Amino acid sequence: MYGFLLRPDTLPRAYISWIDQAGQIPVKGVAMNRDLVREGSFKISDIDSLLENPVCALQLVTVRNSVLISFSG
């Protein structure tokens, strides 16, 4: 998964496409992960794009709530 998330240029395009389809991973989510690891930040436009998708928005809220709960105790 390292190659898929951080160095997609090292993998065959067909393999990347297979992972995309099998995992149903939002492209902007992968871009955010890559930017966070490489630069320590991400583009606000990427999260805006994810929030437009109801499934992704629900998952982001769930993650946010989990983080808030873990830091409040």
N, C-alpha and C. Protein backbone atom coordinates (compact mmCIF):
# COMPACT_ATOMS: atom_id res chain seq x y z
N MET A 1 0.81 -1.19 0.00
CA MET A 1 0.00 0.00 0.00
C MET A 1 0.86 1.26 0.00
N TYR A 2 2.10 1.14 0.46
CA TYR A 2 2.98 2.31 0.43
C TYR A 2 3.07 2.86 -0.99
N GLY A 3 3.30 1.96 -1.94
CA GLY A 3 3.42 2.40 -3.33
C GLY A 3 2.15 3.07 -3.83
N PHE A 4 1.01 2.51 -3.49
CA PHE A 4 -0.26 3.07 -3.94
C PHE A 4 -0.49 4.45 -3.34
N LEU A 5 -0.24 4.59 -2.05
CA LEU A 5 -0.53 5.85 -1.38
C LEU A 5 0.53 6.92 -1.60
N LEU A 6 1.79 6.52 -1.62
CA LEU A 6 2.85 7.53 -1.63
C LEU A 6 3.71 7.56 -2.89
N ARG A 7 3.80 6.45 -3.60
CA ARG A 7 4.64 6.40 -4.80
C ARG A 7 3.93 5.69 -5.95
N PRO A 8 2.77 6.19 -6.36
CA PRO A 8 2.03 5.52 -7.42
C PRO A 8 2.80 5.46 -8.74
N ASP A 9 3.80 6.34 -8.89
CA ASP A 9 4.61 6.32 -10.11
C ASP A 9 5.45 5.05 -10.23
N THR A 10 5.57 4.28 -9.13
CA THR A 10 6.37 3.05 -9.16
C THR A 10 5.53 1.81 -9.49
N LEU A 11 4.22 1.98 -9.62
CA LEU A 11 3.33 0.84 -9.85
C LEU A 11 2.73 0.88 -11.24
N PRO A 12 2.41 -0.29 -11.79
CA PRO A 12 1.71 -0.32 -13.08
C PRO A 12 0.33 0.34 -12.96
N ARG A 13 -0.05 1.07 -13.96
CA ARG A 13 -1.34 1.77 -13.95
C ARG A 13 -2.50 0.80 -13.72
N ALA A 14 -2.43 -0.40 -14.30
CA ALA A 14 -3.50 -1.38 -14.13
C ALA A 14 -3.67 -1.77 -12.67
N TYR A 15 -2.57 -1.87 -11.93
CA TYR A 15 -2.62 -2.24 -10.52
C TYR A 15 -3.27 -1.11 -9.70
N ILE A 16 -2.90 0.11 -10.01
CA ILE A 16 -3.49 1.26 -9.33
C ILE A 16 -5.00 1.31 -9.59
N SER A 17 -5.39 1.07 -10.83
CA SER A 17 -6.81 1.06 -11.17
C SER A 17 -7.55 -0.04 -10.42
N TRP A 18 -6.92 -1.20 -10.29
CA TRP A 18 -7.54 -2.31 -9.57
C TRP A 18 -7.76 -1.95 -8.10
N ILE A 19 -6.76 -1.35 -7.47
CA ILE A 19 -6.90 -0.95 -6.07
C ILE A 19 -8.01 0.10 -5.94
N ASP A 20 -8.03 1.07 -6.85
CA ASP A 20 -9.08 2.10 -6.83
C ASP A 20 -10.47 1.47 -6.88
N GLN A 21 -10.66 0.53 -7.79
CA GLN A 21 -11.96 -0.09 -7.96
C GLN A 21 -12.31 -1.01 -6.79
N ALA A 22 -11.38 -1.80 -6.34
CA ALA A 22 -11.64 -2.75 -5.26
C ALA A 22 -11.90 -2.03 -3.94
N GLY A 23 -11.15 -0.99 -3.67
CA GLY A 23 -11.27 -0.29 -2.40
C GLY A 23 -12.27 0.85 -2.41
N GLN A 24 -12.71 1.25 -3.59
CA GLN A 24 -13.61 2.39 -3.73
C GLN A 24 -13.09 3.58 -2.92
N ILE A 25 -11.82 3.84 -3.08
CA ILE A 25 -11.15 4.90 -2.34
C ILE A 25 -11.29 6.21 -3.10
N PRO A 26 -11.78 7.27 -2.45
CA PRO A 26 -11.88 8.55 -3.13
C PRO A 26 -10.49 9.08 -3.52
N VAL A 27 -10.37 9.53 -4.74
CA VAL A 27 -9.08 10.04 -5.25
C VAL A 27 -8.59 11.20 -4.38
N LYS A 28 -9.50 12.06 -3.98
CA LYS A 28 -9.11 13.21 -3.14
C LYS A 28 -8.62 12.76 -1.77
N GLY A 29 -9.16 11.66 -1.27
CA GLY A 29 -8.69 11.12 0.00
C GLY A 29 -7.26 10.63 -0.09
N VAL A 30 -6.94 9.98 -1.19
CA VAL A 30 -5.56 9.52 -1.41
C VAL A 30 -4.64 10.73 -1.57
N ALA A 31 -5.10 11.74 -2.28
CA ALA A 31 -4.28 12.95 -2.46
C ALA A 31 -4.03 13.64 -1.12
N MET A 32 -5.07 13.69 -0.28
CA MET A 32 -4.89 14.30 1.05
C MET A 32 -3.86 13.53 1.87
N ASN A 33 -3.94 12.21 1.84
CA ASN A 33 -2.99 11.38 2.59
C ASN A 33 -1.56 11.65 2.09
N ARG A 34 -1.39 11.66 0.80
CA ARG A 34 -0.07 11.89 0.22
C ARG A 34 0.47 13.25 0.63
N ASP A 35 -0.38 14.29 0.53
CA ASP A 35 0.06 15.63 0.89
C ASP A 35 0.40 15.74 2.38
N LEU A 36 -0.40 15.09 3.22
CA LEU A 36 -0.13 15.13 4.66
C LEU A 36 1.20 14.49 5.00
N VAL A 37 1.50 13.36 4.37
CA VAL A 37 2.76 12.66 4.65
C VAL A 37 3.95 13.45 4.11
N ARG A 38 3.81 13.96 2.90
CA ARG A 38 4.94 14.65 2.26
C ARG A 38 5.15 16.07 2.76
N GLU A 39 4.03 16.80 2.97
CA GLU A 39 4.15 18.23 3.25
C GLU A 39 3.63 18.64 4.63
N GLY A 40 2.91 17.73 5.29
CA GLY A 40 2.37 18.06 6.60
C GLY A 40 1.08 18.86 6.54
N SER A 41 0.52 19.02 5.35
CA SER A 41 -0.75 19.75 5.20
C SER A 41 -1.48 19.20 3.97
N PHE A 42 -2.71 19.63 3.80
CA PHE A 42 -3.47 19.21 2.63
C PHE A 42 -4.24 20.40 2.08
N LYS A 43 -4.76 20.25 0.87
CA LYS A 43 -5.51 21.32 0.22
C LYS A 43 -6.95 21.31 0.74
N ILE A 44 -7.43 22.47 1.13
CA ILE A 44 -8.81 22.59 1.61
C ILE A 44 -9.78 22.17 0.51
N SER A 45 -9.44 22.41 -0.74
CA SER A 45 -10.32 22.02 -1.84
C SER A 45 -10.53 20.51 -1.89
N ASP A 46 -9.54 19.73 -1.44
CA ASP A 46 -9.69 18.27 -1.41
C ASP A 46 -10.74 17.86 -0.39
N ILE A 47 -10.72 18.48 0.78
CA ILE A 47 -11.71 18.10 1.79
C ILE A 47 -13.10 18.60 1.39
N ASP A 48 -13.16 19.76 0.74
CA ASP A 48 -14.45 20.25 0.23
C ASP A 48 -15.04 19.25 -0.75
N SER A 49 -14.19 18.70 -1.61
CA SER A 49 -14.64 17.71 -2.58
C SER A 49 -15.16 16.45 -1.90
N LEU A 50 -14.46 16.00 -0.86
CA LEU A 50 -14.90 14.82 -0.12
C LEU A 50 -16.22 15.07 0.60
N LEU A 51 -16.40 16.26 1.11
CA LEU A 51 -17.63 16.57 1.84
C LEU A 51 -18.85 16.63 0.92
N GLU A 52 -18.64 16.81 -0.36
CA GLU A 52 -19.75 16.79 -1.32
C GLU A 52 -20.32 15.38 -1.49
N ASN A 53 -19.53 14.37 -1.17
CA ASN A 53 -19.98 12.98 -1.27
C ASN A 53 -20.57 12.58 0.09
N PRO A 54 -21.88 12.25 0.14
CA PRO A 54 -22.51 11.95 1.43
C PRO A 54 -21.84 10.82 2.22
N VAL A 55 -21.38 9.79 1.55
CA VAL A 55 -20.73 8.67 2.24
C VAL A 55 -19.41 9.14 2.86
N CYS A 56 -18.63 9.87 2.10
CA CYS A 56 -17.35 10.38 2.63
C CYS A 56 -17.59 11.36 3.76
N ALA A 57 -18.59 12.21 3.63
CA ALA A 57 -18.89 13.19 4.67
C ALA A 57 -19.23 12.49 5.97
N LEU A 58 -20.03 11.45 5.92
CA LEU A 58 -20.40 10.71 7.12
C LEU A 58 -19.17 10.07 7.75
N GLN A 59 -18.29 9.50 6.93
CA GLN A 59 -17.07 8.88 7.45
C GLN A 59 -16.16 9.92 8.10
N LEU A 60 -16.05 11.10 7.49
CA LEU A 60 -15.21 12.15 8.06
C LEU A 60 -15.74 12.63 9.40
N VAL A 61 -17.06 12.77 9.51
CA VAL A 61 -17.65 13.18 10.78
C VAL A 61 -17.41 12.11 11.84
N THR A 62 -17.53 10.86 11.47
CA THR A 62 -17.28 9.76 12.41
C THR A 62 -15.85 9.78 12.91
N VAL A 63 -14.91 9.97 12.01
CA VAL A 63 -13.49 10.04 12.39
C VAL A 63 -13.25 11.25 13.29
N ARG A 64 -13.80 12.38 12.91
CA ARG A 64 -13.64 13.59 13.73
C ARG A 64 -14.16 13.37 15.14
N ASN A 65 -15.35 12.78 15.25
CA ASN A 65 -15.93 12.53 16.57
C ASN A 65 -15.07 11.57 17.38
N SER A 66 -14.52 10.56 16.74
CA SER A 66 -13.64 9.61 17.43
C SER A 66 -12.39 10.30 17.97
N VAL A 67 -11.84 11.20 17.18
CA VAL A 67 -10.64 11.94 17.60
C VAL A 67 -10.99 12.85 18.77
N LEU A 68 -12.12 13.55 18.68
CA LEU A 68 -12.53 14.43 19.76
C LEU A 68 -12.75 13.67 21.06
N ILE A 69 -13.37 12.52 20.96
CA ILE A 69 -13.61 11.70 22.15
C ILE A 69 -12.29 11.23 22.77
N SER A 70 -11.36 10.80 21.94
CA SER A 70 -10.10 10.27 22.46
C SER A 70 -9.26 11.38 23.11
N PHE A 71 -9.37 12.62 22.64
CA PHE A 71 -8.59 13.70 23.23
C PHE A 71 -9.27 14.35 24.41
N SER A 72 -10.57 14.12 24.57
CA SER A 72 -11.28 14.77 25.68
C SER A 72 -11.12 14.02 27.00
N GLY A 73 -10.66 12.77 26.93
CA GLY A 73 -10.57 11.97 28.15
C GLY A 73 -9.24 11.91 28.70
